[in-house]
C-alpha atoms as a PDB file:
ATOM      1  CA  UNK A   1      37.479 -14.792 -91.012  1.00  0.00           C
ATOM      2  CA  UNK A   2      35.925 -17.384 -93.229  1.00  0.00           C
ATOM      3  CA  UNK A   3      38.722 -17.239 -95.765  1.00  0.00           C
ATOM      4  CA  UNK A   4      41.195 -17.914 -93.008  1.00  0.00           C
ATOM      5  CA  UNK A   5      39.484 -20.754 -91.448  1.00  0.00           C
ATOM      6  CA  UNK A   6      39.334 -22.387 -94.740  1.00  0.00           C
ATOM      7  CA  UNK A   7      43.220 -21.944 -95.137  1.00  0.00           C
ATOM      8  CA  UNK A   8      44.035 -23.028 -91.827  1.00  0.00           C
ATOM      9  CA  UNK A   9      41.626 -26.155 -92.205  1.00  0.00           C
ATOM     10  CA  UNK A  10      43.232 -27.239 -95.536  1.00  0.00           C
ATOM     11  CA  UNK A  11      46.718 -26.890 -94.034  1.00  0.00           C
ATOM     12  CA  UNK A  12      46.116 -28.619 -90.808  1.00  0.00           C
ATOM     13  CA  UNK A  13      43.732 -31.324 -92.028  1.00  0.00           C
ATOM     14  CA  UNK A  14      41.462 -30.881 -89.059  1.00  0.00           C
ATOM     15  CA  UNK A  15      38.319 -28.991 -88.475  1.00  0.00           C
ATOM     16  CA  UNK A  16      38.933 -25.328 -87.759  1.00  0.00           C
ATOM     17  CA  UNK A  17      36.352 -23.163 -86.073  1.00  0.00           C
ATOM     18  CA  UNK A  18      36.689 -19.402 -85.541  1.00  0.00           C
ATOM     19  CA  UNK A  19      34.524 -17.490 -83.128  1.00  0.00           C
ATOM     20  CA  UNK A  20      33.931 -14.010 -84.204  1.00  0.00           C
ATOM     21  CA  UNK A  21      33.590 -11.287 -81.624  1.00  0.00           C
ATOM     22  CA  UNK A  22      33.779  -7.869 -83.247  1.00  0.00           C
ATOM     23  CA  UNK A  23      32.317  -4.467 -83.246  1.00  0.00           C
ATOM     24  CA  UNK A  24      33.180  -1.989 -86.011  1.00  0.00           C
ATOM     25  CA  UNK A  25      35.241   1.018 -84.852  1.00  0.00           C
ATOM     26  CA  UNK A  26      35.169  -0.138 -81.091  1.00  0.00           C
ATOM     27  CA  UNK A  27      37.631   1.195 -78.893  1.00  0.00           C
ATOM     28  CA  UNK A  28      40.106  -1.157 -77.158  1.00  0.00           C
ATOM     29  CA  UNK A  29      39.115  -0.177 -73.531  1.00  0.00           C
ATOM     30  CA  UNK A  30      35.602  -1.705 -74.342  1.00  0.00           C
ATOM     31  CA  UNK A  31      37.280  -5.132 -74.763  1.00  0.00           C
ATOM     32  CA  UNK A  32      39.123  -5.222 -71.573  1.00  0.00           C
ATOM     33  CA  UNK A  33      37.547  -6.303 -68.309  1.00  0.00           C
ATOM     34  CA  UNK A  34      36.301  -3.317 -66.300  1.00  0.00           C
ATOM     35  CA  UNK A  35      38.000  -4.826 -63.160  1.00  0.00           C
ATOM     36  CA  UNK A  36      41.419  -5.021 -64.966  1.00  0.00           C
ATOM     37  CA  UNK A  37      40.955  -1.405 -65.911  1.00  0.00           C
ATOM     38  CA  UNK A  38      40.165  -0.271 -62.603  1.00  0.00           C
ATOM     39  CA  UNK A  39      42.823  -2.188 -60.713  1.00  0.00           C
ATOM     40  CA  UNK A  40      45.895  -1.666 -63.055  1.00  0.00           C
ATOM     41  CA  UNK A  41      48.121   0.714 -61.735  1.00  0.00           C
ATOM     42  CA  UNK A  42      49.668   1.877 -65.027  1.00  0.00           C
ATOM     43  CA  UNK A  43      46.236   2.579 -66.539  1.00  0.00           C
ATOM     44  CA  UNK A  44      45.117   4.463 -63.331  1.00  0.00           C
ATOM     45  CA  UNK A  45      48.336   6.488 -63.308  1.00  0.00           C
ATOM     46  CA  UNK A  46      47.817   7.669 -66.876  1.00  0.00           C
ATOM     47  CA  UNK A  47      43.986   8.199 -66.007  1.00  0.00           C
ATOM     48  CA  UNK A  48      45.178  10.339 -62.906  1.00  0.00           C
ATOM     49  CA  UNK A  49      47.956  12.176 -64.958  1.00  0.00           C
ATOM     50  CA  UNK A  50      45.104  13.480 -67.263  1.00  0.00           C
ATOM     51  CA  UNK A  51      42.898  14.409 -64.411  1.00  0.00           C
ATOM     52  CA  UNK A  52      45.393  16.889 -63.168  1.00  0.00           C
ATOM     53  CA  UNK A  53      45.265  18.727 -66.646  1.00  0.00           C
ATOM     54  CA  UNK A  54      41.643  18.314 -67.296  1.00  0.00           C
ATOM     55  CA  UNK A  55      40.901  21.614 -65.443  1.00  0.00           C
ATOM     56  CA  UNK A  56      43.297  23.603 -67.248  1.00  0.00           C
ATOM     57  CA  UNK A  57      42.107  22.153 -70.472  1.00  0.00           C
ATOM     58  CA  UNK A  58      38.461  22.759 -69.695  1.00  0.00           C
ATOM     59  CA  UNK A  59      39.353  26.497 -68.942  1.00  0.00           C
ATOM     60  CA  UNK A  60      40.934  26.876 -72.066  1.00  0.00           C
ATOM     61  CA  UNK A  61      37.893  25.325 -73.906  1.00  0.00           C
ATOM     62  CA  UNK A  62      35.578  27.587 -72.106  1.00  0.00           C
ATOM     63  CA  UNK A  63      37.587  30.720 -73.190  1.00  0.00           C
ATOM     64  CA  UNK A  64      37.789  29.443 -76.927  1.00  0.00           C
ATOM     65  CA  UNK A  65      33.899  28.770 -76.854  1.00  0.00           C
ATOM     66  CA  UNK A  66      33.193  32.413 -75.486  1.00  0.00           C
ATOM     67  CA  UNK A  67      35.182  33.852 -78.217  1.00  0.00           C
ATOM     68  CA  UNK A  68      33.499  31.418 -80.799  1.00  0.00           C
ATOM     69  CA  UNK A  69      29.981  32.608 -79.776  1.00  0.00           C
ATOM     70  CA  UNK A  70      31.166  36.089 -80.299  1.00  0.00           C
ATOM     71  CA  UNK A  71      32.566  35.896 -83.744  1.00  0.00           C
ATOM     72  CA  UNK A  72      30.673  32.734 -85.025  1.00  0.00           C
ATOM     73  CA  UNK A  73      33.670  31.884 -87.199  1.00  0.00           C
ATOM     74  CA  UNK A  74      35.720  28.838 -87.514  1.00  0.00           C
ATOM     75  CA  UNK A  75      35.096  25.316 -86.097  1.00  0.00           C
ATOM     76  CA  UNK A  76      33.066  25.174 -82.978  1.00  0.00           C
ATOM     77  CA  UNK A  77      35.552  24.313 -80.042  1.00  0.00           C
ATOM     78  CA  UNK A  78      34.983  20.818 -78.583  1.00  0.00           C
ATOM     79  CA  UNK A  79      35.161  20.337 -74.689  1.00  0.00           C
ATOM     80  CA  UNK A  80      37.907  18.033 -73.599  1.00  0.00           C
ATOM     81  CA  UNK A  81      37.014  14.507 -72.922  1.00  0.00           C
ATOM     82  CA  UNK A  82      36.213  13.886 -69.326  1.00  0.00           C
ATOM     83  CA  UNK A  83      38.637  11.802 -67.330  1.00  0.00           C
ATOM     84  CA  UNK A  84      38.009   8.149 -67.653  1.00  0.00           C
ATOM     85  CA  UNK A  85      35.389   8.594 -70.451  1.00  0.00           C
ATOM     86  CA  UNK A  86      35.169   7.365 -74.031  1.00  0.00           C
ATOM     87  CA  UNK A  87      36.024   9.721 -76.905  1.00  0.00           C
ATOM     88  CA  UNK A  88      33.018   9.838 -79.203  1.00  0.00           C
ATOM     89  CA  UNK A  89      32.337  11.397 -82.329  1.00  0.00           C
ATOM     90  CA  UNK A  90      31.247  15.037 -82.955  1.00  0.00           C
ATOM     91  CA  UNK A  91      27.591  14.334 -82.656  1.00  0.00           C
ATOM     92  CA  UNK A  92      27.807  12.151 -79.620  1.00  0.00           C
ATOM     93  CA  UNK A  93      28.282  12.681 -76.076  1.00  0.00           C
ATOM     94  CA  UNK A  94      30.727  10.999 -73.680  1.00  0.00           C
ATOM     95  CA  UNK A  95      29.755   7.427 -72.763  1.00  0.00           C
ATOM     96  CA  UNK A  96      31.639   5.520 -70.437  1.00  0.00           C
ATOM     97  CA  UNK A  97      31.888   2.035 -72.241  1.00  0.00           C
ATOM     98  CA  UNK A  98      34.774   0.553 -70.015  1.00  0.00           C
ATOM     99  CA  UNK A  99      34.647  -3.365 -70.392  1.00  0.00           C
ATOM    100  CA  UNK A 100      31.317  -3.220 -72.191  1.00  0.00           C
ATOM    101  CA  UNK A 101      32.044  -5.368 -75.018  1.00  0.00           C
ATOM    102  CA  UNK A 102      34.230  -7.883 -72.967  1.00  0.00           C
ATOM    103  CA  UNK A 103      31.425  -8.479 -70.752  1.00  0.00           C
ATOM    104  CA  UNK A 104      28.986  -8.934 -73.586  1.00  0.00           C
ATOM    105  CA  UNK A 105      31.073 -10.620 -76.051  1.00  0.00           C
ATOM    106  CA  UNK A 106      34.141 -12.158 -74.369  1.00  0.00           C
ATOM    107  CA  UNK A 107      33.115 -13.419 -71.022  1.00  0.00           C
ATOM    108  CA  UNK A 108      30.475 -15.711 -72.483  1.00  0.00           C
ATOM    109  CA  UNK A 109      32.852 -17.554 -74.598  1.00  0.00           C
ATOM    110  CA  UNK A 110      35.543 -18.165 -72.078  1.00  0.00           C
ATOM    111  CA  UNK A 111      34.405 -21.644 -71.470  1.00  0.00           C
ATOM    112  CA  UNK A 112      35.220 -22.624 -74.955  1.00  0.00           C
ATOM    113  CA  UNK A 113      38.755 -24.437 -75.717  1.00  0.00           C
ATOM    114  CA  UNK A 114      40.609 -22.211 -78.095  1.00  0.00           C
ATOM    115  CA  UNK A 115      44.146 -22.036 -79.759  1.00  0.00           C
ATOM    116  CA  UNK A 116      44.865 -18.144 -79.935  1.00  0.00           C
ATOM    117  CA  UNK A 117      43.426 -14.787 -80.696  1.00  0.00           C
ATOM    118  CA  UNK A 118      43.316 -12.579 -83.638  1.00  0.00           C
ATOM    119  CA  UNK A 119      42.949  -8.803 -82.883  1.00  0.00           C
ATOM    120  CA  UNK A 120      41.484  -6.423 -85.250  1.00  0.00           C
ATOM    121  CA  UNK A 121      39.843  -4.028 -83.114  1.00  0.00           C
ATOM    122  CA  UNK A 122      40.813  -0.420 -81.503  1.00  0.00           C
ATOM    123  CA  UNK A 123      40.133   1.774 -84.558  1.00  0.00           C
ATOM    124  CA  UNK A 124      38.525   4.463 -82.349  1.00  0.00           C
ATOM    125  CA  UNK A 125      41.537   4.518 -79.670  1.00  0.00           C
ATOM    126  CA  UNK A 126      41.407   3.166 -76.247  1.00  0.00           C
ATOM    127  CA  UNK A 127      38.222   4.906 -75.281  1.00  0.00           C
ATOM    128  CA  UNK A 128      39.642   6.066 -72.222  1.00  0.00           C
ATOM    129  CA  UNK A 129      41.090   9.673 -72.193  1.00  0.00           C
ATOM    130  CA  UNK A 130      44.951   9.713 -72.197  1.00  0.00           C
ATOM    131  CA  UNK A 131      45.328   5.854 -71.750  1.00  0.00           C
ATOM    132  CA  UNK A 132      47.788   4.655 -74.404  1.00  0.00           C
ATOM    133  CA  UNK A 133      46.770   2.020 -76.986  1.00  0.00           C
ATOM    134  CA  UNK A 134      49.796  -0.200 -76.077  1.00  0.00           C
ATOM    135  CA  UNK A 135      48.907  -0.108 -72.270  1.00  0.00           C
ATOM    136  CA  UNK A 136      45.170  -1.264 -73.070  1.00  0.00           C
ATOM    137  CA  UNK A 137      45.891  -3.892 -75.743  1.00  0.00           C
ATOM    138  CA  UNK A 138      48.925  -5.430 -73.831  1.00  0.00           C
ATOM    139  CA  UNK A 139      46.679  -5.804 -70.905  1.00  0.00           C
ATOM    140  CA  UNK A 140      43.876  -7.234 -73.120  1.00  0.00           C
ATOM    141  CA  UNK A 141      46.515 -10.076 -73.826  1.00  0.00           C
ATOM    142  CA  UNK A 142      47.176 -10.693 -70.044  1.00  0.00           C
ATOM    143  CA  UNK A 143      43.736 -10.461 -68.989  1.00  0.00           C
ATOM    144  CA  UNK A 144      42.184 -12.818 -71.626  1.00  0.00           C
ATOM    145  CA  UNK A 145      45.074 -15.328 -71.193  1.00  0.00           C
ATOM    146  CA  UNK A 146      44.290 -15.311 -67.299  1.00  0.00           C
ATOM    147  CA  UNK A 147      40.942 -16.264 -68.018  1.00  0.00           C
ATOM    148  CA  UNK A 148      41.486 -18.948 -70.210  1.00  0.00           C
ATOM    149  CA  UNK A 149      44.370 -20.344 -67.854  1.00  0.00           C
ATOM    150  CA  UNK A 150      47.114 -20.391 -70.488  1.00  0.00           C
ATOM    151  CA  UNK A 151      49.706 -17.665 -70.484  1.00  0.00           C
ATOM    152  CA  UNK A 152      51.187 -18.662 -73.888  1.00  0.00           C
ATOM    153  CA  UNK A 153      48.087 -18.431 -75.831  1.00  0.00           C
ATOM    154  CA  UNK A 154      49.237 -16.890 -79.465  1.00  0.00           C
ATOM    155  CA  UNK A 155      47.844 -13.356 -79.900  1.00  0.00           C
ATOM    156  CA  UNK A 156      47.987 -11.863 -83.473  1.00  0.00           C
ATOM    157  CA  UNK A 157      47.032  -8.261 -84.259  1.00  0.00           C
ATOM    158  CA  UNK A 158      46.602  -6.717 -87.702  1.00  0.00           C
ATOM    159  CA  UNK A 159      48.820  -3.438 -87.948  1.00  0.00           C
ATOM    160  CA  UNK A 160      46.962  -0.456 -88.162  1.00  0.00           C
ATOM    161  CA  UNK A 161      48.138   3.137 -89.375  1.00  0.00           C
ATOM    162  CA  UNK A 162      46.681   4.318 -86.219  1.00  0.00           C
ATOM    163  CA  UNK A 163      49.221   2.382 -84.129  1.00  0.00           C
ATOM    164  CA  UNK A 164      52.250   4.416 -82.868  1.00  0.00           C
ATOM    165  CA  UNK A 165      55.808   3.445 -82.583  1.00  0.00           C
ATOM    166  CA  UNK A 166      55.428   3.224 -78.719  1.00  0.00           C
ATOM    167  CA  UNK A 167      52.454   0.945 -79.281  1.00  0.00           C
ATOM    168  CA  UNK A 168      54.705  -1.449 -81.497  1.00  0.00           C
ATOM    169  CA  UNK A 169      57.444  -1.200 -78.903  1.00  0.00           C
ATOM    170  CA  UNK A 170      54.991  -2.023 -76.000  1.00  0.00           C
ATOM    171  CA  UNK A 171      53.467  -5.083 -77.963  1.00  0.00           C
ATOM    172  CA  UNK A 172      56.905  -6.333 -78.942  1.00  0.00           C
ATOM    173  CA  UNK A 173      57.488  -6.899 -75.214  1.00  0.00           C
ATOM    174  CA  UNK A 174      54.375  -9.200 -74.788  1.00  0.00           C
ATOM    175  CA  UNK A 175      55.477 -12.710 -75.158  1.00  0.00           C
ATOM    176  CA  UNK A 176      53.903 -15.010 -77.979  1.00  0.00           C
ATOM    177  CA  UNK A 177      52.544 -11.933 -79.745  1.00  0.00           C
ATOM    178  CA  UNK A 178      52.912 -11.252 -83.218  1.00  0.00           C
ATOM    179  CA  UNK A 179      52.039  -8.502 -85.712  1.00  0.00           C
ATOM    180  CA  UNK A 180      50.244  -9.296 -88.923  1.00  0.00           C
ATOM    181  CA  UNK A 181      51.603  -6.505 -91.422  1.00  0.00           C
ATOM    182  CA  UNK A 182      49.138  -5.103 -93.861  1.00  0.00           C
ATOM    183  CA  UNK A 183      51.330  -2.373 -95.044  1.00  0.00           C
ATOM    184  CA  UNK A 184      51.298  -2.759 -98.711  1.00  0.00           C
ATOM    185  CA  UNK A 185      47.694  -3.784 -98.628  1.00  0.00           C
ATOM    186  CA  UNK A 186      44.884  -1.105 -98.826  1.00  0.00           C
ATOM    187  CA  UNK A 187      44.526  -0.384 -95.004  1.00  0.00           C
ATOM    188  CA  UNK A 188      40.501   0.167 -94.725  1.00  0.00           C
ATOM    189  CA  UNK A 189      38.162  -0.174 -91.773  1.00  0.00           C
ATOM    190  CA  UNK A 190      36.700  -2.820 -93.858  1.00  0.00           C
ATOM    191  CA  UNK A 191      39.055  -4.237 -96.316  1.00  0.00           C
ATOM    192  CA  UNK A 192      37.790  -4.661 -99.836  1.00  0.00           C
ATOM    193  CA  UNK A 193      40.119  -7.553-100.495  1.00  0.00           C
ATOM    194  CA  UNK A 194      39.334  -9.751 -97.458  1.00  0.00           C
ATOM    195  CA  UNK A 195      40.951 -12.518 -98.986  1.00  0.00           C
ATOM    196  CA  UNK A 196      44.462 -10.726 -98.975  1.00  0.00           C
ATOM    197  CA  UNK A 197      44.082 -10.099 -95.260  1.00  0.00           C
ATOM    198  CA  UNK A 198      43.082 -13.683 -94.573  1.00  0.00           C
ATOM    199  CA  UNK A 199      46.112 -14.821 -96.680  1.00  0.00           C
ATOM    200  CA  UNK A 200      48.511 -12.572 -94.723  1.00  0.00           C
ATOM    201  CA  UNK A 201      47.174 -13.991 -91.436  1.00  0.00           C
ATOM    202  CA  UNK A 202      47.495 -17.266 -92.467  1.00  0.00           C
ATOM    203  CA  UNK A 203      51.140 -16.738 -93.370  1.00  0.00           C
ATOM    204  CA  UNK A 204      52.103 -15.209 -90.155  1.00  0.00           C
ATOM    205  CA  UNK A 205      50.163 -17.885 -88.112  1.00  0.00           C
ATOM    206  CA  UNK A 206      51.874 -20.909 -89.761  1.00  0.00           C
ATOM    207  CA  UNK A 207      55.078 -19.260 -89.560  1.00  0.00           C
ATOM    208  CA  UNK A 208      55.001 -18.566 -85.777  1.00  0.00           C
ATOM    209  CA  UNK A 209      53.506 -22.034 -85.376  1.00  0.00           C
ATOM    210  CA  UNK A 210      56.469 -23.565 -87.232  1.00  0.00           C
ATOM    211  CA  UNK A 211      59.118 -21.779 -85.086  1.00  0.00           C
ATOM    212  CA  UNK A 212      57.516 -22.739 -82.045  1.00  0.00           C
ATOM    213  CA  UNK A 213      57.769 -26.493 -82.716  1.00  0.00           C
END
């Protein structure tokens, strides 16, 4: 982000500050306000749809586990994620972190005047079983804009290899939202060439800013 700030300041000829709020590999659901998750009809519909299939999935898991205990071959079956809970790695249990990072990292900076957002999170999915990435991320845009009192604040997001066509279609419907493409760059959790990523973000931001004049 420092590389990007330097480029923007050099182009705009004004001081540029970037507030970094980032947690490595964090799910997008942790960055959306908890009340926005609990009150959103679309999100709740997806959660409830998963709840209706959870019992069947759990019975299938129990049967697979019973067979595995007898044969002790192959990978140990993993229990289906409980409805509404975060998908953790193999060595961690389910943890409900809905809205956690919003509360700790976004809410405290809402009084600051800003000119837009750059999103580079969500590597670990949404953190809410069965809820789609596009649903959560688009609502992050709406929710954050609402709290800053500006429904036109630009939202830029880095394209990740985990993002589906459905995600891109959903985000394309969000006004003043732009993707920062990195397909030909090495897509890594922590890019080795951060300068190349900064340059790509700078190009998209300036192009979008020019088109809006």
